[in-house]
Amino acid sequence: MTWIQIILAITLVIISFAGVLVQIAGLPGTWLILLLAVGTTATETLLPLGSAPLFSWWTLLALALLTVAAEVVEFLAAAAGAKTGGASKRGMTGAVVGGLIGAIVGTLTILIPVVGSVLGAGIGAALGAITGELSVGGKQLRDTMKPAAGAVAGRIAGTLAKAAFAVAMWIWLAIAAFT
């Protein structure tokens, strides 16, 4: 490992930690960490800085799989929470779609980090579950409260799980950068 690679590795570990913080704020931190690793490897492939790039293709594959797994867990958590509350398939689908739309709208309208995305995702998941349940027919608004509460709890759990994925990715990247 050359001194340029050591400086690059230290810099990447620091910058990729921002990906963890960004993820906690509800933004795509796992994608930031993955893009940093891919960008570094692509740059080192075109402009070699040492005898081998900082990250192997196996590391990139592992980070990519963790990124995809984090997305799946985050979105399916709202559906699982709604199901725990007794939601139908429509209610679970509504919770997933509503959580996604709510997270985007919340991030763009409530400009307080974490608060906007978490509130938006929670409210969106609840409204999506309610809408899905009401579309089944024969259900009253009061019948949708348990699935909606489950969707909110699931969405929050999914967001926390995704933050844990970001931490795992950061640790992996940090170890891989120096080995």
N, C-alpha and C. Protein backbone atom coordinates (compact mmCIF):
# COMPACT_ATOMS: atom_id res chain seq x y z
N MET A 1 0.85 -1.18 0.00
CA MET A 1 0.00 0.00 0.00
C MET A 1 0.90 1.24 0.00
N THR A 2 0.67 2.11 -0.96
CA THR A 2 1.47 3.32 -1.07
C THR A 2 0.94 4.39 -0.12
N TRP A 3 1.74 5.43 0.07
CA TRP A 3 1.31 6.51 0.97
C TRP A 3 0.09 7.23 0.40
N ILE A 4 -0.04 7.30 -0.91
CA ILE A 4 -1.23 7.91 -1.52
C ILE A 4 -2.46 7.07 -1.21
N GLN A 5 -2.32 5.74 -1.27
CA GLN A 5 -3.44 4.87 -0.94
C GLN A 5 -3.82 4.96 0.55
N ILE A 6 -2.82 5.15 1.39
CA ILE A 6 -3.10 5.30 2.83
C ILE A 6 -3.91 6.58 3.07
N ILE A 7 -3.48 7.67 2.45
CA ILE A 7 -4.23 8.93 2.58
C ILE A 7 -5.63 8.78 1.99
N LEU A 8 -5.72 8.12 0.85
CA LEU A 8 -7.02 7.89 0.22
C LEU A 8 -7.91 7.04 1.12
N ALA A 9 -7.36 5.99 1.72
CA ALA A 9 -8.13 5.11 2.59
C ALA A 9 -8.66 5.87 3.81
N ILE A 10 -7.81 6.67 4.43
CA ILE A 10 -8.23 7.47 5.60
C ILE A 10 -9.35 8.43 5.19
N THR A 11 -9.16 9.08 4.06
CA THR A 11 -10.17 10.02 3.57
C THR A 11 -11.50 9.31 3.29
N LEU A 12 -11.43 8.16 2.65
CA LEU A 12 -12.64 7.39 2.34
C LEU A 12 -13.36 6.93 3.59
N VAL A 13 -12.63 6.51 4.59
CA VAL A 13 -13.26 6.07 5.83
C VAL A 13 -14.01 7.24 6.48
N ILE A 14 -13.39 8.40 6.46
CA ILE A 14 -14.03 9.59 7.04
C ILE A 14 -15.27 9.99 6.22
N ILE A 15 -15.11 10.07 4.92
CA ILE A 15 -16.23 10.49 4.06
C ILE A 15 -17.35 9.45 4.10
N SER A 16 -17.00 8.18 4.09
CA SER A 16 -18.05 7.16 4.11
C SER A 16 -18.81 7.14 5.43
N PHE A 17 -18.19 7.62 6.49
CA PHE A 17 -18.93 7.76 7.75
C PHE A 17 -20.06 8.76 7.60
N ALA A 18 -19.87 9.73 6.72
CA ALA A 18 -20.96 10.66 6.40
C ALA A 18 -22.14 9.89 5.82
N GLY A 19 -21.87 8.80 5.10
CA GLY A 19 -22.94 7.96 4.59
C GLY A 19 -23.78 7.37 5.71
N VAL A 20 -23.14 7.00 6.81
CA VAL A 20 -23.88 6.50 7.97
C VAL A 20 -24.76 7.61 8.54
N LEU A 21 -24.20 8.80 8.69
CA LEU A 21 -24.96 9.91 9.23
C LEU A 21 -26.12 10.30 8.31
N VAL A 22 -25.85 10.29 7.01
CA VAL A 22 -26.88 10.62 6.03
C VAL A 22 -27.99 9.57 6.10
N GLN A 23 -27.63 8.31 6.28
CA GLN A 23 -28.63 7.25 6.38
C GLN A 23 -29.50 7.45 7.61
N ILE A 24 -28.89 7.81 8.72
CA ILE A 24 -29.65 8.07 9.94
C ILE A 24 -30.62 9.23 9.72
N ALA A 25 -30.24 10.17 8.87
CA ALA A 25 -31.12 11.30 8.54
C ALA A 25 -32.21 10.90 7.55
N GLY A 26 -32.21 9.65 7.12
CA GLY A 26 -33.26 9.17 6.23
C GLY A 26 -32.94 9.32 4.76
N LEU A 27 -31.72 9.66 4.43
CA LEU A 27 -31.31 9.80 3.03
C LEU A 27 -30.53 8.56 2.62
N PRO A 28 -30.22 8.38 1.35
CA PRO A 28 -29.61 7.13 0.88
C PRO A 28 -28.12 6.99 1.20
N GLY A 29 -27.79 6.81 2.45
CA GLY A 29 -26.40 6.66 2.87
C GLY A 29 -25.75 5.37 2.43
N THR A 30 -26.53 4.29 2.37
CA THR A 30 -25.95 3.03 1.91
C THR A 30 -25.49 3.16 0.47
N TRP A 31 -26.26 3.86 -0.34
CA TRP A 31 -25.88 4.08 -1.74
C TRP A 31 -24.64 4.96 -1.83
N LEU A 32 -24.52 5.95 -0.95
CA LEU A 32 -23.34 6.81 -0.93
C LEU A 32 -22.09 5.99 -0.63
N ILE A 33 -22.17 5.12 0.35
CA ILE A 33 -21.02 4.28 0.71
C ILE A 33 -20.64 3.38 -0.46
N LEU A 34 -21.63 2.76 -1.09
CA LEU A 34 -21.36 1.90 -2.24
C LEU A 34 -20.73 2.70 -3.38
N LEU A 35 -21.28 3.86 -3.69
CA LEU A 35 -20.73 4.68 -4.78
C LEU A 35 -19.31 5.14 -4.51
N LEU A 36 -18.99 5.45 -3.26
CA LEU A 36 -17.62 5.82 -2.92
C LEU A 36 -16.66 4.66 -3.21
N ALA A 37 -17.05 3.47 -2.81
CA ALA A 37 -16.19 2.30 -3.04
C ALA A 37 -16.04 2.00 -4.54
N VAL A 38 -17.15 2.04 -5.27
CA VAL A 38 -17.11 1.78 -6.71
C VAL A 38 -16.31 2.86 -7.42
N GLY A 39 -16.54 4.11 -7.06
CA GLY A 39 -15.80 5.22 -7.68
C GLY A 39 -14.31 5.14 -7.43
N THR A 40 -13.94 4.77 -6.22
CA THR A 40 -12.52 4.62 -5.89
C THR A 40 -11.89 3.50 -6.70
N THR A 41 -12.58 2.37 -6.79
CA THR A 41 -12.05 1.23 -7.54
C THR A 41 -11.94 1.57 -9.02
N ALA A 42 -12.95 2.23 -9.57
CA ALA A 42 -12.91 2.62 -10.98
C ALA A 42 -11.75 3.57 -11.24
N THR A 43 -11.57 4.52 -10.34
CA THR A 43 -10.47 5.48 -10.50
C THR A 43 -9.12 4.77 -10.43
N GLU A 44 -8.99 3.85 -9.47
CA GLU A 44 -7.72 3.13 -9.33
C GLU A 44 -7.48 2.16 -10.49
N THR A 45 -8.54 1.71 -11.12
CA THR A 45 -8.37 0.84 -12.29
C THR A 45 -7.81 1.65 -13.46
N LEU A 46 -8.31 2.86 -13.61
CA LEU A 46 -7.85 3.73 -14.70
C LEU A 46 -6.52 4.40 -14.39
N LEU A 47 -6.32 4.73 -13.12
CA LEU A 47 -5.11 5.43 -12.69
C LEU A 47 -4.54 4.70 -11.47
N PRO A 48 -3.77 3.64 -11.67
CA PRO A 48 -3.26 2.84 -10.55
C PRO A 48 -2.44 3.69 -9.57
N LEU A 49 -2.80 3.54 -8.28
CA LEU A 49 -2.08 4.26 -7.24
C LEU A 49 -1.17 3.34 -6.44
N GLY A 50 -1.30 2.06 -6.66
CA GLY A 50 -0.47 1.08 -5.96
C GLY A 50 -0.49 -0.23 -6.72
N SER A 51 0.01 -1.27 -6.09
CA SER A 51 0.08 -2.57 -6.77
C SER A 51 -1.30 -3.20 -6.93
N ALA A 52 -2.24 -2.83 -6.08
CA ALA A 52 -3.62 -3.35 -6.17
C ALA A 52 -4.58 -2.27 -5.69
N PRO A 53 -5.80 -2.25 -6.21
CA PRO A 53 -6.78 -1.26 -5.74
C PRO A 53 -7.12 -1.48 -4.26
N LEU A 54 -7.64 -0.46 -3.62
CA LEU A 54 -8.02 -0.57 -2.21
C LEU A 54 -9.10 -1.63 -1.99
N PHE A 55 -10.05 -1.72 -2.93
CA PHE A 55 -11.19 -2.62 -2.74
C PHE A 55 -11.21 -3.68 -3.82
N SER A 56 -11.38 -4.93 -3.39
CA SER A 56 -11.49 -6.03 -4.35
C SER A 56 -12.91 -6.03 -4.93
N TRP A 57 -13.07 -6.80 -6.00
CA TRP A 57 -14.39 -6.93 -6.58
C TRP A 57 -15.33 -7.65 -5.62
N TRP A 58 -14.78 -8.51 -4.77
CA TRP A 58 -15.60 -9.20 -3.76
C TRP A 58 -16.16 -8.20 -2.75
N THR A 59 -15.34 -7.23 -2.38
CA THR A 59 -15.81 -6.20 -1.45
C THR A 59 -16.92 -5.38 -2.09
N LEU A 60 -16.74 -5.02 -3.35
CA LEU A 60 -17.77 -4.26 -4.05
C LEU A 60 -19.07 -5.06 -4.15
N LEU A 61 -18.95 -6.34 -4.45
CA LEU A 61 -20.13 -7.20 -4.53
C LEU A 61 -20.83 -7.29 -3.17
N ALA A 62 -20.05 -7.46 -2.11
CA ALA A 62 -20.63 -7.54 -0.77
C ALA A 62 -21.35 -6.25 -0.41
N LEU A 63 -20.72 -5.11 -0.70
CA LEU A 63 -21.35 -3.82 -0.41
C LEU A 63 -22.63 -3.64 -1.23
N ALA A 64 -22.60 -4.08 -2.48
CA ALA A 64 -23.79 -3.97 -3.34
C ALA A 64 -24.92 -4.84 -2.79
N LEU A 65 -24.59 -6.06 -2.37
CA LEU A 65 -25.61 -6.95 -1.80
C LEU A 65 -26.18 -6.39 -0.50
N LEU A 66 -25.32 -5.81 0.33
CA LEU A 66 -25.80 -5.20 1.57
C LEU A 66 -26.71 -4.00 1.27
N THR A 67 -26.37 -3.24 0.25
CA THR A 67 -27.19 -2.09 -0.13
C THR A 67 -28.58 -2.54 -0.57
N VAL A 68 -28.63 -3.55 -1.42
CA VAL A 68 -29.92 -4.06 -1.89
C VAL A 68 -30.71 -4.68 -0.73
N ALA A 69 -30.03 -5.44 0.11
CA ALA A 69 -30.70 -6.04 1.26
C ALA A 69 -31.28 -4.97 2.19
N ALA A 70 -30.54 -3.88 2.38
CA ALA A 70 -31.04 -2.79 3.23
C ALA A 70 -32.30 -2.17 2.66
N GLU A 71 -32.34 -2.00 1.34
CA GLU A 71 -33.53 -1.44 0.69
C GLU A 71 -34.73 -2.37 0.88
N VAL A 72 -34.50 -3.65 0.65
CA VAL A 72 -35.59 -4.63 0.77
C VAL A 72 -36.12 -4.65 2.21
N VAL A 73 -35.22 -4.70 3.17
CA VAL A 73 -35.63 -4.74 4.58
C VAL A 73 -36.42 -3.48 4.94
N GLU A 74 -35.92 -2.33 4.52
CA GLU A 74 -36.60 -1.08 4.87
C GLU A 74 -38.02 -1.05 4.34
N PHE A 75 -38.21 -1.41 3.09
CA PHE A 75 -39.53 -1.31 2.50
C PHE A 75 -40.48 -2.41 2.95
N LEU A 76 -39.96 -3.61 3.13
CA LEU A 76 -40.83 -4.71 3.55
C LEU A 76 -41.20 -4.63 5.03
N ALA A 77 -40.44 -3.88 5.81
CA ALA A 77 -40.74 -3.75 7.24
C ALA A 77 -42.10 -3.09 7.45
N ALA A 78 -42.45 -2.12 6.65
CA ALA A 78 -43.76 -1.47 6.78
C ALA A 78 -44.87 -2.48 6.49
N ALA A 79 -44.69 -3.30 5.48
CA ALA A 79 -45.69 -4.32 5.16
C ALA A 79 -45.80 -5.34 6.28
N ALA A 80 -44.66 -5.75 6.83
CA ALA A 80 -44.68 -6.71 7.93
C ALA A 80 -45.36 -6.12 9.15
N GLY A 81 -45.10 -4.87 9.43
CA GLY A 81 -45.77 -4.21 10.56
C GLY A 81 -47.27 -4.12 10.35
N ALA A 82 -47.67 -3.77 9.13
CA ALA A 82 -49.11 -3.69 8.83
C ALA A 82 -49.75 -5.07 8.96
N LYS A 83 -49.05 -6.10 8.50
CA LYS A 83 -49.59 -7.46 8.59
C LYS A 83 -49.75 -7.86 10.06
N THR A 84 -48.78 -7.48 10.88
CA THR A 84 -48.87 -7.76 12.31
C THR A 84 -50.12 -7.12 12.90
N GLY A 85 -50.48 -5.96 12.36
CA GLY A 85 -51.70 -5.27 12.82
C GLY A 85 -52.96 -5.81 12.18
N GLY A 86 -52.85 -6.86 11.36
CA GLY A 86 -54.02 -7.48 10.77
C GLY A 86 -54.39 -6.96 9.39
N ALA A 87 -53.46 -6.34 8.69
CA ALA A 87 -53.76 -5.77 7.37
C ALA A 87 -53.93 -6.85 6.31
N SER A 88 -54.70 -6.49 5.29
CA SER A 88 -54.84 -7.34 4.10
C SER A 88 -53.63 -7.10 3.20
N LYS A 89 -53.58 -7.82 2.08
CA LYS A 89 -52.49 -7.60 1.12
C LYS A 89 -52.53 -6.17 0.59
N ARG A 90 -53.72 -5.65 0.37
CA ARG A 90 -53.82 -4.27 -0.10
C ARG A 90 -53.30 -3.28 0.95
N GLY A 91 -53.61 -3.56 2.19
CA GLY A 91 -53.12 -2.69 3.27
C GLY A 91 -51.61 -2.73 3.38
N MET A 92 -51.03 -3.93 3.20
CA MET A 92 -49.57 -4.07 3.26
C MET A 92 -48.92 -3.36 2.08
N THR A 93 -49.51 -3.52 0.89
CA THR A 93 -48.97 -2.83 -0.29
C THR A 93 -49.08 -1.32 -0.11
N GLY A 94 -50.22 -0.88 0.40
CA GLY A 94 -50.41 0.55 0.66
C GLY A 94 -49.39 1.09 1.65
N ALA A 95 -49.06 0.28 2.65
CA ALA A 95 -48.07 0.72 3.65
C ALA A 95 -46.69 0.91 3.01
N VAL A 96 -46.31 0.00 2.12
CA VAL A 96 -45.01 0.10 1.45
C VAL A 96 -44.97 1.33 0.54
N VAL A 97 -45.99 1.46 -0.32
CA VAL A 97 -46.03 2.59 -1.26
C VAL A 97 -46.16 3.90 -0.52
N GLY A 98 -47.05 3.93 0.47
CA GLY A 98 -47.24 5.15 1.25
C GLY A 98 -45.99 5.55 2.02
N GLY A 99 -45.27 4.57 2.55
CA GLY A 99 -44.03 4.87 3.27
C GLY A 99 -42.98 5.48 2.37
N LEU A 100 -42.87 4.95 1.16
CA LEU A 100 -41.90 5.48 0.20
C LEU A 100 -42.26 6.91 -0.21
N ILE A 101 -43.50 7.10 -0.59
CA ILE A 101 -43.94 8.45 -0.99
C ILE A 101 -43.84 9.42 0.19
N GLY A 102 -44.25 8.97 1.36
CA GLY A 102 -44.19 9.82 2.54
C GLY A 102 -42.77 10.22 2.91
N ALA A 103 -41.82 9.30 2.78
CA ALA A 103 -40.42 9.62 3.09
C ALA A 103 -39.90 10.70 2.16
N ILE A 104 -40.25 10.59 0.89
CA ILE A 104 -39.79 11.60 -0.09
C ILE A 104 -40.44 12.95 0.20
N VAL A 105 -41.76 12.94 0.37
CA VAL A 105 -42.48 14.20 0.64
C VAL A 105 -42.02 14.81 1.96
N GLY A 106 -41.86 13.98 2.99
CA GLY A 106 -41.42 14.48 4.29
C GLY A 106 -40.04 15.10 4.24
N THR A 107 -39.14 14.47 3.50
CA THR A 107 -37.78 14.99 3.38
C THR A 107 -37.77 16.34 2.68
N LEU A 108 -38.63 16.48 1.66
CA LEU A 108 -38.66 17.71 0.88
C LEU A 108 -39.45 18.83 1.55
N THR A 109 -40.41 18.50 2.41
CA THR A 109 -41.26 19.54 3.01
C THR A 109 -40.87 19.90 4.44
N ILE A 110 -40.41 18.93 5.20
CA ILE A 110 -39.98 19.21 6.58
C ILE A 110 -38.46 19.15 6.55
N LEU A 111 -37.84 20.29 6.49
CA LEU A 111 -36.40 20.35 6.22
C LEU A 111 -35.53 20.16 7.47
N ILE A 112 -36.07 19.51 8.48
CA ILE A 112 -35.28 19.19 9.66
C ILE A 112 -34.76 17.76 9.48
N PRO A 113 -33.43 17.59 9.43
CA PRO A 113 -32.89 16.24 9.20
C PRO A 113 -33.50 15.22 10.16
N VAL A 114 -33.72 14.06 9.69
CA VAL A 114 -34.31 12.92 10.37
C VAL A 114 -35.82 13.11 10.57
N VAL A 115 -36.22 14.24 11.11
CA VAL A 115 -37.62 14.46 11.44
C VAL A 115 -38.50 14.37 10.19
N GLY A 116 -38.12 15.07 9.14
CA GLY A 116 -38.93 15.08 7.93
C GLY A 116 -39.09 13.71 7.31
N SER A 117 -37.98 13.00 7.17
CA SER A 117 -38.05 11.70 6.51
C SER A 117 -38.76 10.66 7.38
N VAL A 118 -38.48 10.65 8.67
CA VAL A 118 -39.11 9.67 9.55
C VAL A 118 -40.60 9.96 9.71
N LEU A 119 -40.95 11.22 9.95
CA LEU A 119 -42.37 11.57 10.05
C LEU A 119 -43.09 11.29 8.75
N GLY A 120 -42.50 11.71 7.64
CA GLY A 120 -43.13 11.48 6.34
C GLY A 120 -43.32 10.01 6.06
N ALA A 121 -42.29 9.20 6.34
CA ALA A 121 -42.39 7.76 6.10
C ALA A 121 -43.46 7.13 6.99
N GLY A 122 -43.50 7.53 8.24
CA GLY A 122 -44.49 6.98 9.17
C GLY A 122 -45.91 7.36 8.79
N ILE A 123 -46.11 8.64 8.51
CA ILE A 123 -47.44 9.11 8.12
C ILE A 123 -47.85 8.48 6.79
N GLY A 124 -46.90 8.43 5.84
CA GLY A 124 -47.20 7.82 4.55
C GLY A 124 -47.56 6.35 4.67
N ALA A 125 -46.82 5.61 5.51
CA ALA A 125 -47.11 4.19 5.71
C ALA A 125 -48.49 4.01 6.32
N ALA A 126 -48.81 4.86 7.30
CA ALA A 126 -50.13 4.77 7.94
C ALA A 126 -51.24 5.08 6.94
N LEU A 127 -51.09 6.17 6.20
CA LEU A 127 -52.12 6.54 5.22
C LEU A 127 -52.24 5.50 4.12
N GLY A 128 -51.11 4.94 3.71
CA GLY A 128 -51.14 3.89 2.69
C GLY A 128 -51.86 2.65 3.20
N ALA A 129 -51.59 2.26 4.45
CA ALA A 129 -52.26 1.09 5.03
C ALA A 129 -53.76 1.36 5.16
N ILE A 130 -54.11 2.55 5.61
CA ILE A 130 -55.53 2.91 5.75
C ILE A 130 -56.22 2.87 4.39
N THR A 131 -55.60 3.48 3.39
CA THR A 131 -56.18 3.50 2.05
C THR A 131 -56.33 2.09 1.50
N GLY A 132 -55.31 1.29 1.67
CA GLY A 132 -55.37 -0.10 1.20
C GLY A 132 -56.48 -0.89 1.89
N GLU A 133 -56.61 -0.72 3.18
CA GLU A 133 -57.63 -1.43 3.93
C GLU A 133 -59.04 -0.98 3.54
N LEU A 134 -59.22 0.31 3.36
CA LEU A 134 -60.53 0.83 2.98
C LEU A 134 -60.92 0.39 1.57
N SER A 135 -59.93 0.14 0.73
CA SER A 135 -60.23 -0.28 -0.64
C SER A 135 -60.72 -1.72 -0.72
N VAL A 136 -60.50 -2.49 0.34
CA VAL A 136 -60.94 -3.88 0.36
C VAL A 136 -62.47 -3.94 0.36
N GLY A 137 -63.09 -3.00 1.02
CA GLY A 137 -64.55 -2.98 1.10
C GLY A 137 -65.04 -3.62 2.39
N GLY A 138 -66.11 -3.07 2.91
CA GLY A 138 -66.68 -3.60 4.13
C GLY A 138 -65.94 -3.22 5.39
N LYS A 139 -64.93 -2.36 5.29
CA LYS A 139 -64.18 -1.95 6.47
C LYS A 139 -64.47 -0.48 6.76
N GLN A 140 -64.49 -0.19 8.02
CA GLN A 140 -64.70 1.18 8.49
C GLN A 140 -63.33 1.75 8.87
N LEU A 141 -63.29 3.05 9.01
CA LEU A 141 -62.03 3.72 9.35
C LEU A 141 -61.44 3.17 10.64
N ARG A 142 -62.26 2.90 11.61
CA ARG A 142 -61.75 2.40 12.90
C ARG A 142 -61.09 1.02 12.75
N ASP A 143 -61.51 0.26 11.72
CA ASP A 143 -60.91 -1.06 11.48
C ASP A 143 -59.50 -0.97 10.92
N THR A 144 -59.11 0.21 10.48
CA THR A 144 -57.80 0.36 9.85
C THR A 144 -56.72 0.87 10.81
N MET A 145 -57.10 1.17 12.03
CA MET A 145 -56.13 1.78 12.96
C MET A 145 -55.01 0.83 13.36
N LYS A 146 -55.33 -0.44 13.64
CA LYS A 146 -54.28 -1.39 14.02
C LYS A 146 -53.30 -1.65 12.87
N PRO A 147 -53.80 -1.89 11.65
CA PRO A 147 -52.85 -2.05 10.54
C PRO A 147 -52.01 -0.79 10.30
N ALA A 148 -52.63 0.39 10.48
CA ALA A 148 -51.88 1.64 10.28
C ALA A 148 -50.80 1.80 11.34
N ALA A 149 -51.13 1.51 12.59
CA ALA A 149 -50.13 1.61 13.67
C ALA A 149 -49.01 0.60 13.44
N GLY A 150 -49.37 -0.60 12.98
CA GLY A 150 -48.34 -1.60 12.67
C GLY A 150 -47.45 -1.15 11.54
N ALA A 151 -48.03 -0.49 10.54
CA ALA A 151 -47.25 0.01 9.41
C ALA A 151 -46.25 1.06 9.86
N VAL A 152 -46.68 1.94 10.75
CA VAL A 152 -45.78 2.99 11.27
C VAL A 152 -44.63 2.34 12.05
N ALA A 153 -44.96 1.43 12.95
CA ALA A 153 -43.92 0.75 13.74
C ALA A 153 -42.96 -0.01 12.83
N GLY A 154 -43.50 -0.68 11.82
CA GLY A 154 -42.65 -1.42 10.89
C GLY A 154 -41.74 -0.51 10.09
N ARG A 155 -42.28 0.61 9.65
CA ARG A 155 -41.47 1.55 8.86
C ARG A 155 -40.33 2.12 9.70
N ILE A 156 -40.60 2.46 10.95
CA ILE A 156 -39.55 2.98 11.83
C ILE A 156 -38.50 1.89 12.08
N ALA A 157 -38.96 0.66 12.30
CA ALA A 157 -38.01 -0.45 12.49
C ALA A 157 -37.17 -0.66 11.23
N GLY A 158 -37.79 -0.53 10.07
CA GLY A 158 -37.05 -0.66 8.81
C GLY A 158 -35.99 0.40 8.64
N THR A 159 -36.33 1.63 9.03
CA THR A 159 -35.36 2.73 8.94
C THR A 159 -34.18 2.49 9.87
N LEU A 160 -34.47 2.01 11.07
CA LEU A 160 -33.38 1.71 12.02
C LEU A 160 -32.53 0.54 11.52
N ALA A 161 -33.18 -0.46 10.93
CA ALA A 161 -32.42 -1.60 10.38
C ALA A 161 -31.52 -1.15 9.24
N LYS A 162 -32.01 -0.24 8.41
CA LYS A 162 -31.20 0.25 7.30
C LYS A 162 -30.00 1.03 7.82
N ALA A 163 -30.18 1.76 8.91
CA ALA A 163 -29.04 2.46 9.52
C ALA A 163 -28.00 1.45 10.02
N ALA A 164 -28.47 0.33 10.54
CA ALA A 164 -27.54 -0.72 10.98
C ALA A 164 -26.78 -1.31 9.78
N PHE A 165 -27.46 -1.46 8.65
CA PHE A 165 -26.78 -1.90 7.42
C PHE A 165 -25.70 -0.89 7.04
N ALA A 166 -26.00 0.39 7.14
CA ALA A 166 -25.02 1.42 6.79
C ALA A 166 -23.79 1.34 7.69
N VAL A 167 -24.00 1.09 8.97
CA VAL A 167 -22.87 0.94 9.89
C VAL A 167 -22.04 -0.28 9.50
N ALA A 168 -22.71 -1.39 9.21
CA ALA A 168 -21.98 -2.62 8.79
C ALA A 168 -21.19 -2.37 7.51
N MET A 169 -21.77 -1.65 6.57
CA MET A 169 -21.07 -1.34 5.32
C MET A 169 -19.86 -0.45 5.58
N TRP A 170 -20.01 0.52 6.46
CA TRP A 170 -18.90 1.42 6.79
C TRP A 170 -17.75 0.63 7.42
N ILE A 171 -18.09 -0.26 8.34
CA ILE A 171 -17.06 -1.08 8.99
C ILE A 171 -16.36 -1.95 7.95
N TRP A 172 -17.14 -2.58 7.08
CA TRP A 172 -16.57 -3.42 6.01
C TRP A 172 -15.62 -2.61 5.14
N LEU A 173 -16.08 -1.44 4.71
CA LEU A 173 -15.26 -0.57 3.85
C LEU A 173 -13.98 -0.17 4.58
N ALA A 174 -14.08 0.18 5.85
CA ALA A 174 -12.90 0.60 6.62
C ALA A 174 -11.88 -0.52 6.75
N ILE A 175 -12.37 -1.72 7.02
CA ILE A 175 -11.46 -2.87 7.14
C ILE A 175 -10.82 -3.19 5.79
N ALA A 176 -11.65 -3.20 4.75
CA ALA A 176 -11.15 -3.53 3.41
C ALA A 176 -10.14 -2.49 2.92
N ALA A 177 -10.31 -1.25 3.30
CA ALA A 177 -9.40 -0.20 2.85
C ALA A 177 -7.98 -0.39 3.37
N PHE A 178 -7.83 -1.05 4.52
CA PHE A 178 -6.51 -1.18 5.12
C PHE A 178 -5.97 -2.60 5.12
N THR A 179 -6.66 -3.52 4.42
CA THR A 179 -6.14 -4.90 4.39
C THR A 179 -5.72 -5.28 3.00
